Amino acid sequence: MSGGHHSRLVGSQREYFSTERLWQLSEGLPVIEVAIAQVAEFDQDCWFDGKAPTCRQVAEHARRILSADLSHPVILSASGALMDGGHRIAKAWIAGDATIRAVRFEVDPQPDYVVEDDR
């Protein structure tokens, strides 16, 4: 798996989390099965920022989906929002799976940094 970041909009601010830090913080959490249909982000634009993607961008994500390692659980926030694992969810769905292995924080960690979101 390669590191990156997860961000979420909270009010007028965008919180950023290092995915490598999320992996470390979620180690030892119980692994549960979650219905893919219950992961709201699977039906949201999490990758293209509201812009129509190019064929290259779609292919880049297809490559990441194909190489996704399903042995690692996805990471959910305390509210059930996806914090890491969109490509793994896509791979599981393509394979016909209705559920995905996940870990869920009881209390969300603090973000690594926060910026004003001017959208």
PDB file of N, CA and C in Angstrom:
ATOM      1  N   MET A   1       0.865  -1.177   0.000  1.00  0.00           N
ATOM      2  CA  MET A   1       0.000   0.000   0.000  1.00  0.00           C
ATOM      3  C   MET A   1       0.901   1.227   0.000  1.00  0.00           C
ATOM      4  N   SER A   2       0.426   2.252  -0.654  1.00  0.00           N
ATOM      5  CA  SER A   2       1.200   3.485  -0.665  1.00  0.00           C
ATOM      6  C   SER A   2       0.489   4.538   0.161  1.00  0.00           C
ATOM      7  N   GLY A   3       1.277   5.358   0.811  1.00  0.00           N
ATOM      8  CA  GLY A   3       0.725   6.397   1.669  1.00  0.00           C
ATOM      9  C   GLY A   3       0.142   7.539   0.861  1.00  0.00           C
ATOM     10  N   GLY A   4      -0.653   8.300   1.480  1.00  0.00           N
ATOM     11  CA  GLY A   4      -1.296   9.459   0.887  1.00  0.00           C
ATOM     12  C   GLY A   4      -1.943  10.229   2.008  1.00  0.00           C
ATOM     13  N   HIS A   5      -3.102  10.751   1.715  1.00  0.00           N
ATOM     14  CA  HIS A   5      -3.823  11.454   2.776  1.00  0.00           C
ATOM     15  C   HIS A   5      -5.320  11.291   2.572  1.00  0.00           C
ATOM     16  N   HIS A   6      -6.015  11.489   3.644  1.00  0.00           N
ATOM     17  CA  HIS A   6      -7.475  11.536   3.647  1.00  0.00           C
ATOM     18  C   HIS A   6      -7.841  12.936   4.105  1.00  0.00           C
ATOM     19  N   SER A   7      -8.840  13.525   3.472  1.00  0.00           N
ATOM     20  CA  SER A   7      -9.313  14.824   3.954  1.00  0.00           C
ATOM     21  C   SER A   7     -10.823  14.798   4.050  1.00  0.00           C
ATOM     22  N   ARG A   8     -11.321  15.667   4.915  1.00  0.00           N
ATOM     23  CA  ARG A   8     -12.771  15.793   5.054  1.00  0.00           C
ATOM     24  C   ARG A   8     -13.079  17.239   5.400  1.00  0.00           C
ATOM     25  N   LEU A   9     -14.212  17.693   4.905  1.00  0.00           N
ATOM     26  CA  LEU A   9     -14.665  19.051   5.162  1.00  0.00           C
ATOM     27  C   LEU A   9     -15.466  19.077   6.454  1.00  0.00           C
ATOM     28  N   VAL A  10     -15.067  19.967   7.366  1.00  0.00           N
ATOM     29  CA  VAL A  10     -15.773  20.165   8.631  1.00  0.00           C
ATOM     30  C   VAL A  10     -16.036  21.658   8.746  1.00  0.00           C
ATOM     31  N   GLY A  11     -17.294  22.040   8.520  1.00  0.00           N
ATOM     32  CA  GLY A  11     -17.615  23.468   8.488  1.00  0.00           C
ATOM     33  C   GLY A  11     -16.894  24.119   7.323  1.00  0.00           C
ATOM     34  N   SER A  12     -16.136  25.163   7.607  1.00  0.00           N
ATOM     35  CA  SER A  12     -15.390  25.857   6.552  1.00  0.00           C
ATOM     36  C   SER A  12     -13.927  25.409   6.514  1.00  0.00           C
ATOM     37  N   GLN A  13     -13.614  24.359   7.233  1.00  0.00           N
ATOM     38  CA  GLN A  13     -12.232  23.894   7.289  1.00  0.00           C
ATOM     39  C   GLN A  13     -12.108  22.484   6.730  1.00  0.00           C
ATOM     40  N   ARG A  14     -10.956  22.205   6.141  1.00  0.00           N
ATOM     41  CA  ARG A  14     -10.669  20.871   5.644  1.00  0.00           C
ATOM     42  C   ARG A  14      -9.593  20.252   6.527  1.00  0.00           C
ATOM     43  N   GLU A  15      -9.943  19.090   7.096  1.00  0.00           N
ATOM     44  CA  GLU A  15      -9.024  18.353   7.957  1.00  0.00           C
ATOM     45  C   GLU A  15      -8.283  17.321   7.108  1.00  0.00           C
ATOM     46  N   TYR A  16      -6.974  17.207   7.326  1.00  0.00           N
ATOM     47  CA  TYR A  16      -6.135  16.270   6.589  1.00  0.00           C
ATOM     48  C   TYR A  16      -5.511  15.263   7.545  1.00  0.00           C
ATOM     49  N   PHE A  17      -5.520  13.997   7.114  1.00  0.00           N
ATOM     50  CA  PHE A  17      -4.963  12.899   7.886  1.00  0.00           C
ATOM     51  C   PHE A  17      -3.985  12.132   6.998  1.00  0.00           C
ATOM     52  N   SER A  18      -2.784  11.864   7.494  1.00  0.00           N
ATOM     53  CA  SER A  18      -1.837  10.999   6.801  1.00  0.00           C
ATOM     54  C   SER A  18      -2.378   9.574   6.853  1.00  0.00           C
ATOM     55  N   THR A  19      -2.470   8.918   5.684  1.00  0.00           N
ATOM     56  CA  THR A  19      -2.981   7.547   5.712  1.00  0.00           C
ATOM     57  C   THR A  19      -2.006   6.615   6.434  1.00  0.00           C
ATOM     58  N   GLU A  20      -0.713   6.877   6.313  1.00  0.00           N
ATOM     59  CA  GLU A  20       0.235   6.039   7.055  1.00  0.00           C
ATOM     60  C   GLU A  20      -0.010   6.152   8.558  1.00  0.00           C
ATOM     61  N   ARG A  21      -0.312   7.357   9.026  1.00  0.00           N
ATOM     62  CA  ARG A  21      -0.623   7.538  10.450  1.00  0.00           C
ATOM     63  C   ARG A  21      -1.939   6.837  10.803  1.00  0.00           C
ATOM     64  N   LEU A  22      -2.936   6.901   9.923  1.00  0.00           N
ATOM     65  CA  LEU A  22      -4.200   6.200  10.164  1.00  0.00           C
ATOM     66  C   LEU A  22      -3.963   4.697  10.275  1.00  0.00           C
ATOM     67  N   TRP A  23      -3.085   4.154   9.412  1.00  0.00           N
ATOM     68  CA  TRP A  23      -2.777   2.719   9.486  1.00  0.00           C
ATOM     69  C   TRP A  23      -2.189   2.384  10.851  1.00  0.00           C
ATOM     70  N   GLN A  24      -1.258   3.216  11.318  1.00  0.00           N
ATOM     71  CA  GLN A  24      -0.626   2.953  12.616  1.00  0.00           C
ATOM     72  C   GLN A  24      -1.644   3.044  13.750  1.00  0.00           C
ATOM     73  N   LEU A  25      -2.465   4.092  13.722  1.00  0.00           N
ATOM     74  CA  LEU A  25      -3.436   4.304  14.796  1.00  0.00           C
ATOM     75  C   LEU A  25      -4.531   3.231  14.825  1.00  0.00           C
ATOM     76  N   SER A  26      -4.806   2.634  13.665  1.00  0.00           N
ATOM     77  CA  SER A  26      -5.887   1.648  13.602  1.00  0.00           C
ATOM     78  C   SER A  26      -5.411   0.226  13.861  1.00  0.00           C
ATOM     79  N   GLU A  27      -4.095   0.030  13.974  1.00  0.00           N
ATOM     80  CA  GLU A  27      -3.581  -1.310  14.283  1.00  0.00           C
ATOM     81  C   GLU A  27      -4.181  -1.792  15.605  1.00  0.00           C
ATOM     82  N   GLY A  28      -4.627  -3.010  15.609  1.00  0.00           N
ATOM     83  CA  GLY A  28      -5.186  -3.583  16.832  1.00  0.00           C
ATOM     84  C   GLY A  28      -6.677  -3.372  16.994  1.00  0.00           C
ATOM     85  N   LEU A  29      -7.289  -2.524  16.153  1.00  0.00           N
ATOM     86  CA  LEU A  29      -8.743  -2.377  16.233  1.00  0.00           C
ATOM     87  C   LEU A  29      -9.391  -3.662  15.720  1.00  0.00           C
ATOM     88  N   PRO A  30     -10.548  -4.022  16.259  1.00  0.00           N
ATOM     89  CA  PRO A  30     -11.201  -5.245  15.783  1.00  0.00           C
ATOM     90  C   PRO A  30     -11.627  -5.117  14.324  1.00  0.00           C
ATOM     91  N   VAL A  31     -11.425  -6.186  13.573  1.00  0.00           N
ATOM     92  CA  VAL A  31     -11.824  -6.219  12.165  1.00  0.00           C
ATOM     93  C   VAL A  31     -13.267  -6.697  12.090  1.00  0.00           C
ATOM     94  N   ILE A  32     -14.070  -5.948  11.348  1.00  0.00           N
ATOM     95  CA  ILE A  32     -15.493  -6.267  11.183  1.00  0.00           C
ATOM     96  C   ILE A  32     -15.805  -6.373   9.691  1.00  0.00           C
ATOM     97  N   GLU A  33     -16.920  -6.987   9.375  1.00  0.00           N
ATOM     98  CA  GLU A  33     -17.412  -7.013   7.994  1.00  0.00           C
ATOM     99  C   GLU A  33     -18.443  -5.899   7.851  1.00  0.00           C
ATOM    100  N   VAL A  34     -18.288  -5.095   6.812  1.00  0.00           N
ATOM    101  CA  VAL A  34     -19.189  -3.971   6.566  1.00  0.00           C
ATOM    102  C   VAL A  34     -19.775  -4.131   5.169  1.00  0.00           C
ATOM    103  N   ALA A  35     -21.068  -3.917   5.034  1.00  0.00           N
ATOM    104  CA  ALA A  35     -21.697  -3.963   3.717  1.00  0.00           C
ATOM    105  C   ALA A  35     -21.164  -2.808   2.871  1.00  0.00           C
ATOM    106  N   ILE A  36     -20.685  -3.124   1.673  1.00  0.00           N
ATOM    107  CA  ILE A  36     -20.188  -2.084   0.775  1.00  0.00           C
ATOM    108  C   ILE A  36     -21.265  -1.039   0.533  1.00  0.00           C
ATOM    109  N   ALA A  37     -22.510  -1.462   0.443  1.00  0.00           N
ATOM    110  CA  ALA A  37     -23.619  -0.536   0.219  1.00  0.00           C
ATOM    111  C   ALA A  37     -23.775   0.478   1.344  1.00  0.00           C
ATOM    112  N   GLN A  38     -23.229   0.169   2.523  1.00  0.00           N
ATOM    113  CA  GLN A  38     -23.332   1.074   3.665  1.00  0.00           C
ATOM    114  C   GLN A  38     -22.218   2.122   3.690  1.00  0.00           C
ATOM    115  N   VAL A  39     -21.232   2.000   2.817  1.00  0.00           N
ATOM    116  CA  VAL A  39     -20.134   2.963   2.759  1.00  0.00           C
ATOM    117  C   VAL A  39     -20.543   4.065   1.782  1.00  0.00           C
ATOM    118  N   ALA A  40     -21.002   5.183   2.336  1.00  0.00           N
ATOM    119  CA  ALA A  40     -21.555   6.266   1.511  1.00  0.00           C
ATOM    120  C   ALA A  40     -20.574   6.762   0.464  1.00  0.00           C
ATOM    121  N   GLU A  41     -19.307   6.797   0.794  1.00  0.00           N
ATOM    122  CA  GLU A  41     -18.303   7.334  -0.122  1.00  0.00           C
ATOM    123  C   GLU A  41     -18.168   6.517  -1.408  1.00  0.00           C
ATOM    124  N   PHE A  42     -18.626   5.267  -1.394  1.00  0.00           N
ATOM    125  CA  PHE A  42     -18.555   4.447  -2.611  1.00  0.00           C
ATOM    126  C   PHE A  42     -19.433   5.032  -3.713  1.00  0.00           C
ATOM    127  N   ASP A  43     -20.418   5.815  -3.352  1.00  0.00           N
ATOM    128  CA  ASP A  43     -21.307   6.454  -4.331  1.00  0.00           C
ATOM    129  C   ASP A  43     -21.065   7.957  -4.417  1.00  0.00           C
ATOM    130  N   GLN A  44     -19.875   8.403  -4.005  1.00  0.00           N
ATOM    131  CA  GLN A  44     -19.519   9.823  -4.060  1.00  0.00           C
ATOM    132  C   GLN A  44     -18.242  10.006  -4.870  1.00  0.00           C
ATOM    133  N   ASP A  45     -18.023  11.220  -5.335  1.00  0.00           N
ATOM    134  CA  ASP A  45     -16.785  11.565  -6.044  1.00  0.00           C
ATOM    135  C   ASP A  45     -15.703  11.842  -5.008  1.00  0.00           C
ATOM    136  N   CYS A  46     -14.876  10.859  -4.761  1.00  0.00           N
ATOM    137  CA  CYS A  46     -13.776  11.007  -3.795  1.00  0.00           C
ATOM    138  C   CYS A  46     -12.435  11.208  -4.483  1.00  0.00           C
ATOM    139  N   TRP A  47     -12.400  11.094  -5.796  1.00  0.00           N
ATOM    140  CA  TRP A  47     -11.130  11.094  -6.509  1.00  0.00           C
ATOM    141  C   TRP A  47     -10.968  12.225  -7.515  1.00  0.00           C
ATOM    142  N   PHE A  48     -12.028  12.785  -8.035  1.00  0.00           N
ATOM    143  CA  PHE A  48     -11.897  13.687  -9.179  1.00  0.00           C
ATOM    144  C   PHE A  48     -12.308  15.126  -8.903  1.00  0.00           C
ATOM    145  N   ASP A  49     -12.585  15.458  -7.650  1.00  0.00           N
ATOM    146  CA  ASP A  49     -12.832  16.844  -7.237  1.00  0.00           C
ATOM    147  C   ASP A  49     -13.960  17.528  -8.019  1.00  0.00           C
ATOM    148  N   GLY A  50     -14.965  16.761  -8.407  1.00  0.00           N
ATOM    149  CA  GLY A  50     -16.110  17.335  -9.096  1.00  0.00           C
ATOM    150  C   GLY A  50     -15.873  17.663 -10.554  1.00  0.00           C
ATOM    151  N   LYS A  51     -14.710  17.282 -11.079  1.00  0.00           N
ATOM    152  CA  LYS A  51     -14.375  17.545 -12.486  1.00  0.00           C
ATOM    153  C   LYS A  51     -14.431  16.237 -13.255  1.00  0.00           C
ATOM    154  N   ALA A  52     -14.787  16.339 -14.522  1.00  0.00           N
ATOM    155  CA  ALA A  52     -14.804  15.139 -15.353  1.00  0.00           C
ATOM    156  C   ALA A  52     -13.374  14.611 -15.476  1.00  0.00           C
ATOM    157  N   PRO A  53     -13.150  13.332 -15.157  1.00  0.00           N
ATOM    158  CA  PRO A  53     -11.792  12.800 -15.235  1.00  0.00           C
ATOM    159  C   PRO A  53     -11.368  12.547 -16.678  1.00  0.00           C
ATOM    160  N   THR A  54     -10.072  12.608 -16.903  1.00  0.00           N
ATOM    161  CA  THR A  54      -9.526  12.212 -18.197  1.00  0.00           C
ATOM    162  C   THR A  54      -9.440  10.690 -18.237  1.00  0.00           C
ATOM    163  N   CYS A  55      -9.259  10.151 -19.417  1.00  0.00           N
ATOM    164  CA  CYS A  55      -9.075   8.704 -19.549  1.00  0.00           C
ATOM    165  C   CYS A  55      -7.849   8.266 -18.756  1.00  0.00           C
ATOM    166  N   ARG A  56      -6.792   9.081 -18.786  1.00  0.00           N
ATOM    167  CA  ARG A  56      -5.574   8.747 -18.044  1.00  0.00           C
ATOM    168  C   ARG A  56      -5.868   8.660 -16.543  1.00  0.00           C
ATOM    169  N   GLN A  57      -6.642   9.607 -16.019  1.00  0.00           N
ATOM    170  CA  GLN A  57      -6.966   9.587 -14.593  1.00  0.00           C
ATOM    171  C   GLN A  57      -7.777   8.349 -14.225  1.00  0.00           C
ATOM    172  N   VAL A  58      -8.721   7.982 -15.083  1.00  0.00           N
ATOM    173  CA  VAL A  58      -9.498   6.766 -14.838  1.00  0.00           C
ATOM    174  C   VAL A  58      -8.569   5.554 -14.864  1.00  0.00           C
ATOM    175  N   ALA A  59      -7.657   5.503 -15.840  1.00  0.00           N
ATOM    176  CA  ALA A  59      -6.720   4.378 -15.942  1.00  0.00           C
ATOM    177  C   ALA A  59      -5.806   4.311 -14.723  1.00  0.00           C
ATOM    178  N   GLU A  60      -5.363   5.469 -14.225  1.00  0.00           N
ATOM    179  CA  GLU A  60      -4.524   5.477 -13.028  1.00  0.00           C
ATOM    180  C   GLU A  60      -5.261   4.874 -11.835  1.00  0.00           C
ATOM    181  N   HIS A  61      -6.536   5.226 -11.703  1.00  0.00           N
ATOM    182  CA  HIS A  61      -7.309   4.652 -10.597  1.00  0.00           C
ATOM    183  C   HIS A  61      -7.597   3.172 -10.848  1.00  0.00           C
ATOM    184  N   ALA A  62      -7.815   2.791 -12.101  1.00  0.00           N
ATOM    185  CA  ALA A  62      -8.022   1.370 -12.409  1.00  0.00           C
ATOM    186  C   ALA A  62      -6.783   0.573 -12.034  1.00  0.00           C
ATOM    187  N   ARG A  63      -5.603   1.116 -12.295  1.00  0.00           N
ATOM    188  CA  ARG A  63      -4.363   0.433 -11.907  1.00  0.00           C
ATOM    189  C   ARG A  63      -4.298   0.265 -10.393  1.00  0.00           C
ATOM    190  N   ARG A  64      -4.674   1.305  -9.666  1.00  0.00           N
ATOM    191  CA  ARG A  64      -4.647   1.233  -8.200  1.00  0.00           C
ATOM    192  C   ARG A  64      -5.692   0.241  -7.680  1.00  0.00           C
ATOM    193  N   ILE A  65      -6.845   0.177  -8.334  1.00  0.00           N
ATOM    194  CA  ILE A  65      -7.874  -0.782  -7.946  1.00  0.00           C
ATOM    195  C   ILE A  65      -7.369  -2.207  -8.162  1.00  0.00           C
ATOM    196  N   LEU A  66      -6.789  -2.454  -9.329  1.00  0.00           N
ATOM    197  CA  LEU A  66      -6.295  -3.797  -9.635  1.00  0.00           C
ATOM    198  C   LEU A  66      -5.198  -4.246  -8.683  1.00  0.00           C
ATOM    199  N   SER A  67      -4.380  -3.312  -8.210  1.00  0.00           N
ATOM    200  CA  SER A  67      -3.285  -3.684  -7.320  1.00  0.00           C
ATOM    201  C   SER A  67      -3.652  -3.590  -5.840  1.00  0.00           C
ATOM    202  N   ALA A  68      -4.886  -3.196  -5.535  1.00  0.00           N
ATOM    203  CA  ALA A  68      -5.313  -3.056  -4.133  1.00  0.00           C
ATOM    204  C   ALA A  68      -5.219  -4.398  -3.414  1.00  0.00           C
ATOM    205  N   ASP A  69      -4.742  -4.351  -2.185  1.00  0.00           N
ATOM    206  CA  ASP A  69      -4.542  -5.550  -1.368  1.00  0.00           C
ATOM    207  C   ASP A  69      -5.706  -5.708  -0.392  1.00  0.00           C
ATOM    208  N   LEU A  70      -6.568  -6.668  -0.682  1.00  0.00           N
ATOM    209  CA  LEU A  70      -7.757  -6.868   0.144  1.00  0.00           C
ATOM    210  C   LEU A  70      -7.459  -7.510   1.493  1.00  0.00           C
ATOM    211  N   SER A  71      -6.204  -7.871   1.738  1.00  0.00           N
ATOM    212  CA  SER A  71      -5.877  -8.414   3.059  1.00  0.00           C
ATOM    213  C   SER A  71      -5.826  -7.317   4.115  1.00  0.00           C
ATOM    214  N   HIS A  72      -5.750  -6.054   3.675  1.00  0.00           N
ATOM    215  CA  HIS A  72      -5.762  -4.924   4.603  1.00  0.00           C
ATOM    216  C   HIS A  72      -7.193  -4.406   4.735  1.00  0.00           C
ATOM    217  N   PRO A  73      -7.706  -4.268   5.940  1.00  0.00           N
ATOM    218  CA  PRO A  73      -9.070  -3.739   6.097  1.00  0.00           C
ATOM    219  C   PRO A  73      -9.117  -2.253   5.755  1.00  0.00           C
ATOM    220  N   VAL A  74     -10.262  -1.795   5.302  1.00  0.00           N
ATOM    221  CA  VAL A  74     -10.455  -0.361   5.100  1.00  0.00           C
ATOM    222  C   VAL A  74     -10.607   0.285   6.475  1.00  0.00           C
ATOM    223  N   ILE A  75     -10.426   1.598   6.520  1.00  0.00           N
ATOM    224  CA  ILE A  75     -10.493   2.315   7.799  1.00  0.00           C
ATOM    225  C   ILE A  75     -11.685   3.254   7.773  1.00  0.00           C
ATOM    226  N   LEU A  76     -12.530   3.132   8.785  1.00  0.00           N
ATOM    227  CA  LEU A  76     -13.712   3.977   8.929  1.00  0.00           C
ATOM    228  C   LEU A  76     -13.555   4.893  10.139  1.00  0.00           C
ATOM    229  N   SER A  77     -14.140   6.075  10.037  1.00  0.00           N
ATOM    230  CA  SER A  77     -14.172   6.993  11.171  1.00  0.00           C
ATOM    231  C   SER A  77     -15.187   6.496  12.189  1.00  0.00           C
ATOM    232  N   ALA A  78     -15.253   7.164  13.307  1.00  0.00           N
ATOM    233  CA  ALA A  78     -16.216   6.793  14.346  1.00  0.00           C
ATOM    234  C   ALA A  78     -17.655   6.849  13.827  1.00  0.00           C
ATOM    235  N   SER A  79     -17.920   7.768  12.889  1.00  0.00           N
ATOM    236  CA  SER A  79     -19.275   7.888  12.326  1.00  0.00           C
ATOM    237  C   SER A  79     -19.526   6.920  11.176  1.00  0.00           C
ATOM    238  N   GLY A  80     -18.487   6.168  10.769  1.00  0.00           N
ATOM    239  CA  GLY A  80     -18.635   5.209   9.679  1.00  0.00           C
ATOM    240  C   GLY A  80     -18.191   5.743   8.329  1.00  0.00           C
ATOM    241  N   ALA A  81     -17.659   6.961   8.284  1.00  0.00           N
ATOM    242  CA  ALA A  81     -17.181   7.530   7.024  1.00  0.00           C
ATOM    243  C   ALA A  81     -15.854   6.885   6.640  1.00  0.00           C
ATOM    244  N   LEU A  82     -15.639   6.702   5.356  1.00  0.00           N
ATOM    245  CA  LEU A  82     -14.417   6.095   4.857  1.00  0.00           C
ATOM    246  C   LEU A  82     -13.235   7.043   5.030  1.00  0.00           C
ATOM    247  N   MET A  83     -12.180   6.559   5.668  1.00  0.00           N
ATOM    248  CA  MET A  83     -10.958   7.340   5.836  1.00  0.00           C
ATOM    249  C   MET A  83      -9.830   6.790   4.966  1.00  0.00           C
ATOM    250  N   ASP A  84      -9.878   5.497   4.644  1.00  0.00           N
ATOM    251  CA  ASP A  84      -8.866   4.876   3.783  1.00  0.00           C
ATOM    252  C   ASP A  84      -9.440   3.590   3.215  1.00  0.00           C
ATOM    253  N   GLY A  85      -9.240   3.379   1.897  1.00  0.00           N
ATOM    254  CA  GLY A  85      -9.611   2.090   1.325  1.00  0.00           C
ATOM    255  C   GLY A  85     -10.567   2.116   0.150  1.00  0.00           C
ATOM    256  N   GLY A  86     -10.754   3.260  -0.488  1.00  0.00           N
ATOM    257  CA  GLY A  86     -11.683   3.326  -1.623  1.00  0.00           C
ATOM    258  C   GLY A  86     -11.328   2.378  -2.750  1.00  0.00           C
ATOM    259  N   HIS A  87     -10.042   2.221  -3.053  1.00  0.00           N
ATOM    260  CA  HIS A  87      -9.635   1.315  -4.126  1.00  0.00           C
ATOM    261  C   HIS A  87      -9.886  -0.138  -3.737  1.00  0.00           C
ATOM    262  N   ARG A  88      -9.715  -0.471  -2.455  1.00  0.00           N
ATOM    263  CA  ARG A  88     -10.006  -1.830  -1.996  1.00  0.00           C
ATOM    264  C   ARG A  88     -11.503  -2.110  -2.088  1.00  0.00           C
ATOM    265  N   ILE A  89     -12.328  -1.123  -1.734  1.00  0.00           N
ATOM    266  CA  ILE A  89     -13.779  -1.310  -1.845  1.00  0.00           C
ATOM    267  C   ILE A  89     -14.161  -1.529  -3.301  1.00  0.00           C
ATOM    268  N   ALA A  90     -13.589  -0.737  -4.205  1.00  0.00           N
ATOM    269  CA  ALA A  90     -13.888  -0.891  -5.631  1.00  0.00           C
ATOM    270  C   ALA A  90     -13.487  -2.287  -6.121  1.00  0.00           C
ATOM    271  N   LYS A  91     -12.318  -2.764  -5.698  1.00  0.00           N
ATOM    272  CA  LYS A  91     -11.861  -4.092  -6.118  1.00  0.00           C
ATOM    273  C   LYS A  91     -12.798  -5.179  -5.596  1.00  0.00           C
ATOM    274  N   ALA A  92     -13.205  -5.072  -4.337  1.00  0.00           N
ATOM    275  CA  ALA A  92     -14.122  -6.061  -3.764  1.00  0.00           C
ATOM    276  C   ALA A  92     -15.461  -6.048  -4.501  1.00  0.00           C
ATOM    277  N   TRP A  93     -15.964  -4.870  -4.811  1.00  0.00           N
ATOM    278  CA  TRP A  93     -17.246  -4.746  -5.512  1.00  0.00           C
ATOM    279  C   TRP A  93     -17.154  -5.352  -6.909  1.00  0.00           C
ATOM    280  N   ILE A  94     -16.052  -5.049  -7.623  1.00  0.00           N
ATOM    281  CA  ILE A  94     -15.864  -5.612  -8.962  1.00  0.00           C
ATOM    282  C   ILE A  94     -15.844  -7.136  -8.895  1.00  0.00           C
ATOM    283  N   ALA A  95     -15.257  -7.686  -7.831  1.00  0.00           N
ATOM    284  CA  ALA A  95     -15.185  -9.140  -7.661  1.00  0.00           C
ATOM    285  C   ALA A  95     -16.535  -9.743  -7.259  1.00  0.00           C
ATOM    286  N   GLY A  96     -17.532  -8.895  -7.012  1.00  0.00           N
ATOM    287  CA  GLY A  96     -18.855  -9.396  -6.652  1.00  0.00           C
ATOM    288  C   GLY A  96     -19.102  -9.517  -5.166  1.00  0.00           C
ATOM    289  N   ASP A  97     -18.178  -9.000  -4.359  1.00  0.00           N
ATOM    290  CA  ASP A  97     -18.352  -9.066  -2.908  1.00  0.00           C
ATOM    291  C   ASP A  97     -19.378  -8.032  -2.445  1.00  0.00           C
ATOM    292  N   ALA A  98     -20.174  -8.405  -1.474  1.00  0.00           N
ATOM    293  CA  ALA A  98     -21.158  -7.473  -0.900  1.00  0.00           C
ATOM    294  C   ALA A  98     -20.638  -6.815   0.369  1.00  0.00           C
ATOM    295  N   THR A  99     -19.552  -7.376   0.935  1.00  0.00           N
ATOM    296  CA  THR A  99     -18.991  -6.831   2.170  1.00  0.00           C
ATOM    297  C   THR A  99     -17.487  -6.627   2.001  1.00  0.00           C
ATOM    298  N   ILE A 100     -16.935  -5.859   2.932  1.00  0.00           N
ATOM    299  CA  ILE A 100     -15.501  -5.583   2.962  1.00  0.00           C
ATOM    300  C   ILE A 100     -15.049  -5.637   4.417  1.00  0.00           C
ATOM    301  N   ARG A 101     -13.820  -6.092   4.623  1.00  0.00           N
ATOM    302  CA  ARG A 101     -13.249  -6.094   5.969  1.00  0.00           C
ATOM    303  C   ARG A 101     -12.884  -4.658   6.325  1.00  0.00           C
ATOM    304  N   ALA A 102     -13.186  -4.255   7.566  1.00  0.00           N
ATOM    305  CA  ALA A 102     -12.967  -2.873   7.985  1.00  0.00           C
ATOM    306  C   ALA A 102     -12.588  -2.805   9.455  1.00  0.00           C
ATOM    307  N   VAL A 103     -11.946  -1.704   9.799  1.00  0.00           N
ATOM    308  CA  VAL A 103     -11.757  -1.331  11.200  1.00  0.00           C
ATOM    309  C   VAL A 103     -12.406   0.037  11.357  1.00  0.00           C
ATOM    310  N   ARG A 104     -12.866   0.309  12.571  1.00  0.00           N
ATOM    311  CA  ARG A 104     -13.591   1.561  12.813  1.00  0.00           C
ATOM    312  C   ARG A 104     -13.107   2.195  14.113  1.00  0.00           C
ATOM    313  N   PHE A 105     -12.715   3.454  14.011  1.00  0.00           N
ATOM    314  CA  PHE A 105     -12.306   4.166  15.217  1.00  0.00           C
ATOM    315  C   PHE A 105     -13.512   4.363  16.128  1.00  0.00           C
ATOM    316  N   GLU A 106     -13.296   4.245  17.429  1.00  0.00           N
ATOM    317  CA  GLU A 106     -14.348   4.602  18.391  1.00  0.00           C
ATOM    318  C   GLU A 106     -14.388   6.109  18.564  1.00  0.00           C
ATOM    319  N   VAL A 107     -13.215   6.732  18.541  1.00  0.00           N
ATOM    320  CA  VAL A 107     -13.063   8.192  18.593  1.00  0.00           C
ATOM    321  C   VAL A 107     -12.070   8.552  17.502  1.00  0.00           C
ATOM    322  N   ASP A 108     -12.425   9.501  16.651  1.00  0.00           N
ATOM    323  CA  ASP A 108     -11.527   9.867  15.557  1.00  0.00           C
ATOM    324  C   ASP A 108     -10.237  10.481  16.081  1.00  0.00           C
ATOM    325  N   PRO A 109      -9.125  10.162  15.430  1.00  0.00           N
ATOM    326  CA  PRO A 109      -7.871  10.820  15.801  1.00  0.00           C
ATOM    327  C   PRO A 109      -7.903  12.289  15.384  1.00  0.00           C
ATOM    328  N   GLN A 110      -7.019  13.062  15.974  1.00  0.00           N
ATOM    329  CA  GLN A 110      -6.878  14.453  15.576  1.00  0.00           C
ATOM    330  C   GLN A 110      -6.280  14.498  14.170  1.00  0.00           C
ATOM    331  N   PRO A 111      -6.679  15.467  13.342  1.00  0.00           N
ATOM    332  CA  PRO A 111      -6.075  15.575  12.009  1.00  0.00           C
ATOM    333  C   PRO A 111      -4.615  15.995  12.115  1.00  0.00           C
ATOM    334  N   ASP A 112      -3.858  15.706  11.069  1.00  0.00           N
ATOM    335  CA  ASP A 112      -2.460  16.130  11.015  1.00  0.00           C
ATOM    336  C   ASP A 112      -2.356  17.634  10.817  1.00  0.00           C
ATOM    337  N   TYR A 113      -3.284  18.183  10.033  1.00  0.00           N
ATOM    338  CA  TYR A 113      -3.361  19.636   9.870  1.00  0.00           C
ATOM    339  C   TYR A 113      -4.722  20.019   9.334  1.00  0.00           C
ATOM    340  N   VAL A 114      -5.046  21.291   9.472  1.00  0.00           N
ATOM    341  CA  VAL A 114      -6.350  21.828   9.085  1.00  0.00           C
ATOM    342  C   VAL A 114      -6.109  23.107   8.282  1.00  0.00           C
ATOM    343  N   VAL A 115      -6.870  23.282   7.192  1.00  0.00           N
ATOM    344  CA  VAL A 115      -6.779  24.509   6.404  1.00  0.00           C
ATOM    345  C   VAL A 115      -8.192  25.033   6.137  1.00  0.00           C
ATOM    346  N   GLU A 116      -8.292  26.341   5.919  1.00  0.00           N
ATOM    347  CA  GLU A 116      -9.568  26.923   5.512  1.00  0.00           C
ATOM    348  C   GLU A 116      -9.898  26.432   4.103  1.00  0.00           C
ATOM    349  N   ASP A 117     -11.115  26.009   3.879  1.00  0.00           N
ATOM    350  CA  ASP A 117     -11.545  25.542   2.572  1.00  0.00           C
ATOM    351  C   ASP A 117     -12.292  26.673   1.902  1.00  0.00           C
ATOM    352  N   ASP A 118     -11.800  27.128   0.760  1.00  0.00           N
ATOM    353  CA  ASP A 118     -12.390  28.293   0.100  1.00  0.00           C
ATOM    354  C   ASP A 118     -13.369  27.941  -1.008  1.00  0.00           C
ATOM    355  N   ARG A 119     -13.836  26.695  -1.033  1.00  0.00           N
ATOM    356  CA  ARG A 119     -14.781  26.320  -2.096  1.00  0.00           C
ATOM    357  C   ARG A 119     -16.100  26.994  -1.895  1.00  0.00           C
TER     358      ARG A 119
END
